[in-house]
Amino acid sequence: MVKMIEVVKVLSVKEKCEIMCHIERKVKSISGIADSTEEEKVYEDVYNMAMRESGAFGLEYARPEFLYAIHEAIDTYALPAWLKNNEQRRKEYA
């Protein structure tokens, strides 16, 4: 008996680039990011949330059927509470 190997489709390079550009546009549109350290954490948070939506550990494993859900998750991303609290504290001490 011959076993069939299942071929799993993954995102194309173009689709991966579009996701990363979408993440960059989203992060750049968020006000209240104080420095590059916070910005890096927001990038990571958006990326991880998008990957959770795709059920993958990284873009190299994301499947095309989740492309819409990934972009929708990026579109609806909101700052986490810890970052909002940091912004409020900076305003209080300024």
Protein backbone atom coordinates (compact mmCIF):
# COMPACT_ATOMS: atom_id res chain seq x y z
CA MET A 1 0.00 0.00 0.00
CA VAL A 2 1.33 3.39 -1.00
CA LYS A 3 0.83 6.25 1.41
CA MET A 4 -0.19 9.55 -0.07
CA ILE A 5 1.66 12.62 1.08
CA GLU A 6 -0.66 15.49 1.88
CA VAL A 7 0.41 18.75 0.30
CA VAL A 8 -0.44 21.70 2.50
CA LYS A 9 -0.73 25.03 0.75
CA VAL A 10 1.01 27.95 2.41
CA LEU A 11 0.94 31.67 1.75
CA SER A 12 2.86 33.00 -1.22
CA VAL A 13 5.80 35.34 -0.72
CA LYS A 14 3.62 38.21 -1.97
CA GLU A 15 0.88 37.40 0.57
CA LYS A 16 3.44 37.25 3.39
CA CYS A 17 4.85 40.63 2.34
CA GLU A 18 1.34 42.11 2.22
CA ILE A 19 0.70 40.92 5.79
CA MET A 20 3.96 42.43 7.06
CA CYS A 21 3.24 45.73 5.28
CA HIS A 22 -0.27 45.73 6.75
CA ILE A 23 1.19 45.22 10.24
CA GLU A 24 3.62 48.10 9.66
CA ARG A 25 0.83 50.44 8.49
CA LYS A 26 -1.28 49.49 11.52
CA VAL A 27 1.53 50.14 14.01
CA LYS A 28 2.41 53.46 12.35
CA SER A 29 -1.24 54.55 12.63
CA ILE A 30 -1.29 54.03 16.40
CA SER A 31 -0.53 57.12 18.45
CA GLY A 32 0.97 57.01 21.92
CA ILE A 33 3.93 54.76 21.24
CA ALA A 34 6.73 56.45 23.15
CA ASP A 35 9.90 54.81 21.90
CA SER A 36 11.36 52.06 19.76
CA THR A 37 11.12 49.54 22.61
CA GLU A 38 7.36 50.00 22.92
CA GLU A 39 7.02 50.08 19.15
CA GLU A 40 8.82 46.72 18.89
CA LYS A 41 6.46 45.24 21.50
CA VAL A 42 3.43 46.48 19.55
CA TYR A 43 4.80 44.99 16.31
CA GLU A 44 5.29 41.69 18.11
CA ASP A 45 1.82 41.83 19.67
CA VAL A 46 0.10 42.51 16.33
CA TYR A 47 2.11 39.77 14.62
CA ASN A 48 1.39 37.20 17.33
CA MET A 49 -2.32 38.05 17.29
CA ALA A 50 -2.43 37.66 13.51
CA MET A 51 -0.70 34.29 13.77
CA ARG A 52 -3.18 33.13 16.42
CA GLU A 53 -5.96 33.93 13.93
CA SER A 54 -4.28 31.69 11.37
CA GLY A 55 -3.60 28.88 13.81
CA ALA A 56 0.08 29.03 12.83
CA PHE A 57 3.32 29.66 14.67
CA GLY A 58 4.65 31.96 11.97
CA LEU A 59 3.99 33.28 8.49
CA GLU A 60 5.87 30.37 6.93
CA TYR A 61 3.17 28.02 8.27
CA ALA A 62 0.08 30.20 7.70
CA ARG A 63 -2.40 28.82 5.18
CA PRO A 64 -4.16 30.80 2.44
CA GLU A 65 -7.64 30.05 3.76
CA PHE A 66 -6.84 32.19 6.82
CA LEU A 67 -5.62 35.21 4.83
CA TYR A 68 -8.84 37.19 5.31
CA ALA A 69 -8.93 36.44 9.06
CA ILE A 70 -5.32 37.58 9.42
CA HIS A 71 -5.99 40.91 7.70
CA GLU A 72 -9.22 41.36 9.66
CA ALA A 73 -7.35 40.78 12.93
CA ILE A 74 -4.76 43.40 11.97
CA ASP A 75 -7.49 45.88 11.01
CA THR A 76 -9.29 45.48 14.33
CA TYR A 77 -6.18 45.50 16.54
CA ALA A 78 -6.39 47.78 19.57
CA LEU A 79 -3.61 48.80 21.92
CA PRO A 80 -3.21 46.48 24.89
CA ALA A 81 -4.06 47.90 28.32
CA TRP A 82 -0.42 47.97 29.47
CA LEU A 83 0.49 50.36 26.66
CA LYS A 84 -2.52 52.59 27.25
CA ASN A 85 -1.56 52.76 30.93
CA ASN A 86 2.02 53.71 30.00
CA GLU A 87 0.72 56.55 27.81
CA GLN A 88 -1.51 57.86 30.62
CA ARG A 89 1.39 57.76 33.10
CA ARG A 90 3.65 59.69 30.72
CA LYS A 91 1.00 62.42 30.39
CA GLU A 92 0.59 62.65 34.17
CA TYR A 93 4.32 63.09 34.78
CA ALA A 94 4.97 65.43 31.85
